[in-house]
N, C-alpha and C. Protein backbone atom coordinates (compact mmCIF):
# COMPACT_ATOMS: atom_id res chain seq x y z
N MET A 1 93.00 130.86 88.53
CA MET A 1 93.01 130.85 89.98
C MET A 1 93.75 132.08 90.48
N GLN A 2 93.22 132.65 91.54
CA GLN A 2 93.86 133.78 92.20
C GLN A 2 94.25 133.33 93.61
N ALA A 3 95.21 134.03 94.19
CA ALA A 3 95.71 133.65 95.51
C ALA A 3 94.60 133.60 96.56
N GLN A 4 93.66 134.53 96.50
CA GLN A 4 92.60 134.54 97.51
C GLN A 4 91.63 133.36 97.35
N ASP A 5 91.66 132.69 96.20
CA ASP A 5 90.81 131.50 96.03
C ASP A 5 91.18 130.42 97.03
N LEU A 6 92.46 130.27 97.33
CA LEU A 6 92.88 129.26 98.31
C LEU A 6 92.35 129.60 99.69
N GLU A 7 92.35 130.88 100.04
CA GLU A 7 91.80 131.29 101.33
C GLU A 7 90.29 131.06 101.38
N ARG A 8 89.63 131.24 100.25
CA ARG A 8 88.18 131.03 100.20
C ARG A 8 87.84 129.55 100.42
N LEU A 9 88.71 128.65 100.00
CA LEU A 9 88.45 127.22 100.20
C LEU A 9 88.33 126.85 101.66
N VAL A 10 89.04 127.57 102.52
CA VAL A 10 89.00 127.27 103.96
C VAL A 10 88.07 128.21 104.73
N SER A 11 87.30 129.03 104.01
CA SER A 11 86.37 129.93 104.70
C SER A 11 84.94 129.85 104.17
N VAL A 12 84.74 129.37 102.95
CA VAL A 12 83.41 129.28 102.36
C VAL A 12 82.82 127.91 102.64
N THR A 13 81.56 127.88 103.03
CA THR A 13 80.89 126.61 103.29
C THR A 13 79.96 126.25 102.14
N MET A 14 79.71 124.97 102.03
CA MET A 14 78.80 124.45 101.00
C MET A 14 77.39 124.92 101.34
N PRO A 15 76.71 125.61 100.40
CA PRO A 15 75.41 126.20 100.72
C PRO A 15 74.22 125.26 100.57
N PHE A 16 74.41 124.04 100.06
CA PHE A 16 73.27 123.15 99.83
C PHE A 16 73.75 121.70 99.82
N GLY A 17 72.77 120.80 99.82
CA GLY A 17 73.07 119.38 99.65
C GLY A 17 73.47 118.67 100.93
N LYS A 18 73.93 117.47 100.74
CA LYS A 18 74.29 116.57 101.84
C LYS A 18 75.34 117.18 102.76
N TYR A 19 76.24 117.97 102.20
CA TYR A 19 77.33 118.54 102.99
C TYR A 19 77.14 120.03 103.25
N LYS A 20 75.90 120.47 103.28
CA LYS A 20 75.59 121.87 103.58
C LYS A 20 76.23 122.28 104.90
N GLY A 21 76.92 123.42 104.88
CA GLY A 21 77.57 123.92 106.08
C GLY A 21 79.01 123.49 106.26
N ARG A 22 79.47 122.55 105.47
CA ARG A 22 80.85 122.07 105.56
C ARG A 22 81.75 122.95 104.69
N LEU A 23 82.96 123.21 105.17
CA LEU A 23 83.91 123.99 104.38
C LEU A 23 84.19 123.29 103.06
N ILE A 24 84.38 124.09 102.01
CA ILE A 24 84.71 123.52 100.70
C ILE A 24 85.96 122.65 100.82
N ALA A 25 86.93 123.09 101.60
CA ALA A 25 88.18 122.33 101.77
C ALA A 25 87.96 120.98 102.45
N ASP A 26 86.84 120.82 103.15
CA ASP A 26 86.58 119.58 103.89
C ASP A 26 85.62 118.64 103.17
N LEU A 27 85.23 118.96 101.95
CA LEU A 27 84.32 118.08 101.21
C LEU A 27 85.06 116.81 100.80
N PRO A 28 84.39 115.66 100.88
CA PRO A 28 85.05 114.41 100.51
C PRO A 28 85.31 114.32 99.00
N GLY A 29 86.35 113.59 98.66
CA GLY A 29 86.75 113.45 97.27
C GLY A 29 85.66 112.87 96.38
N ASN A 30 84.89 111.90 96.89
CA ASN A 30 83.85 111.31 96.05
C ASN A 30 82.75 112.31 95.70
N TYR A 31 82.48 113.25 96.59
CA TYR A 31 81.50 114.31 96.32
C TYR A 31 82.04 115.26 95.26
N LEU A 32 83.30 115.62 95.37
CA LEU A 32 83.93 116.48 94.37
C LEU A 32 84.00 115.77 93.02
N ASN A 33 84.27 114.47 93.03
CA ASN A 33 84.29 113.69 91.79
C ASN A 33 82.92 113.66 91.13
N TRP A 34 81.86 113.58 91.93
CA TRP A 34 80.51 113.60 91.40
C TRP A 34 80.25 114.91 90.66
N PHE A 35 80.64 116.03 91.25
CA PHE A 35 80.48 117.32 90.58
C PHE A 35 81.29 117.35 89.28
N ALA A 36 82.49 116.79 89.30
CA ALA A 36 83.32 116.79 88.10
C ALA A 36 82.64 116.01 86.97
N ARG A 37 81.95 114.94 87.31
CA ARG A 37 81.24 114.14 86.30
C ARG A 37 79.96 114.82 85.84
N GLU A 38 79.19 115.35 86.79
CA GLU A 38 77.86 115.87 86.51
C GLU A 38 77.85 117.35 86.11
N GLY A 39 78.90 118.06 86.47
CA GLY A 39 78.98 119.48 86.16
C GLY A 39 79.00 120.32 87.43
N PHE A 40 79.91 121.26 87.47
CA PHE A 40 80.02 122.17 88.62
C PHE A 40 78.98 123.27 88.49
N PRO A 41 78.49 123.79 89.61
CA PRO A 41 77.56 124.92 89.55
C PRO A 41 78.24 126.13 88.91
N ARG A 42 77.45 127.05 88.46
CA ARG A 42 77.99 128.28 87.88
C ARG A 42 78.50 129.21 88.97
N GLY A 43 79.32 130.14 88.56
CA GLY A 43 79.77 131.19 89.46
C GLY A 43 80.93 130.78 90.35
N GLU A 44 81.08 131.57 91.42
CA GLU A 44 82.21 131.37 92.32
C GLU A 44 82.19 129.99 92.97
N LEU A 45 81.02 129.51 93.37
CA LEU A 45 80.95 128.20 94.02
C LEU A 45 81.49 127.11 93.10
N GLY A 46 81.08 127.12 91.86
CA GLY A 46 81.55 126.12 90.91
C GLY A 46 83.05 126.21 90.69
N ARG A 47 83.56 127.43 90.63
CA ARG A 47 85.00 127.64 90.44
C ARG A 47 85.77 127.09 91.64
N LEU A 48 85.26 127.33 92.85
CA LEU A 48 85.93 126.83 94.06
C LEU A 48 85.85 125.31 94.16
N LEU A 49 84.71 124.75 93.79
CA LEU A 49 84.57 123.29 93.82
C LEU A 49 85.52 122.64 92.81
N ALA A 50 85.64 123.23 91.64
CA ALA A 50 86.55 122.70 90.62
C ALA A 50 88.00 122.77 91.10
N LEU A 51 88.35 123.89 91.74
CA LEU A 51 89.70 124.03 92.28
C LEU A 51 89.96 122.99 93.37
N MET A 52 88.99 122.81 94.25
CA MET A 52 89.16 121.83 95.33
C MET A 52 89.25 120.43 94.76
N HIS A 53 88.49 120.14 93.72
CA HIS A 53 88.57 118.84 93.07
C HIS A 53 89.98 118.60 92.53
N GLU A 54 90.55 119.58 91.87
CA GLU A 54 91.91 119.44 91.35
C GLU A 54 92.92 119.23 92.47
N MET A 55 92.77 119.98 93.55
CA MET A 55 93.70 119.84 94.68
C MET A 55 93.57 118.45 95.31
N ASP A 56 92.34 118.00 95.49
CA ASP A 56 92.11 116.69 96.09
C ASP A 56 92.65 115.58 95.18
N HIS A 57 92.34 115.68 93.91
CA HIS A 57 92.75 114.67 92.93
C HIS A 57 94.28 114.55 92.85
N ASN A 58 94.97 115.66 93.02
CA ASN A 58 96.43 115.67 92.91
C ASN A 58 97.14 115.60 94.26
N GLY A 59 96.39 115.32 95.32
CA GLY A 59 96.99 115.14 96.64
C GLY A 59 97.58 116.41 97.23
N LEU A 60 96.96 117.55 96.95
CA LEU A 60 97.50 118.84 97.41
C LEU A 60 96.71 119.48 98.55
N LYS A 61 95.83 118.73 99.19
CA LYS A 61 95.02 119.29 100.27
C LYS A 61 95.88 119.85 101.40
N GLY A 62 97.04 119.26 101.62
CA GLY A 62 97.93 119.70 102.69
C GLY A 62 98.39 121.14 102.54
N LEU A 63 98.36 121.66 101.33
CA LEU A 63 98.77 123.05 101.10
C LEU A 63 97.82 124.04 101.77
N LEU A 64 96.63 123.59 102.13
CA LEU A 64 95.65 124.47 102.76
C LEU A 64 95.84 124.59 104.27
N GLU A 65 96.61 123.69 104.87
CA GLU A 65 96.76 123.69 106.34
C GLU A 65 97.29 125.02 106.89
N PRO A 66 98.32 125.63 106.30
CA PRO A 66 98.78 126.93 106.84
C PRO A 66 97.69 128.00 106.78
N LEU A 67 96.82 127.91 105.77
CA LEU A 67 95.74 128.90 105.68
C LEU A 67 94.69 128.66 106.75
N ARG A 68 94.46 127.41 107.11
CA ARG A 68 93.52 127.11 108.19
C ARG A 68 94.03 127.69 109.51
N GLU A 69 95.33 127.54 109.74
CA GLU A 69 95.92 128.01 110.98
C GLU A 69 95.87 129.54 111.09
N ARG A 70 96.01 130.21 109.94
CA ARG A 70 95.94 131.68 109.93
C ARG A 70 94.52 132.16 110.21
N GLY A 71 93.53 131.41 109.66
CA GLY A 71 92.15 131.83 109.77
C GLY A 71 91.63 131.67 111.15
């Protein structure tokens, strides 16, 4: 993980599926859990989804709030 990955979580939107257009940081935990079970997409999107899954699973979503306010 790099520092700018956290900023990307509050600026990149989901490009497909049920939550298309929603910020990665705003995806529901059950959707992130589904990706964790079925496999994350390749590339940057998969890396960001995996990071968001870890943050959600460990109750760390609140760490993104200061980044939202800056953006």
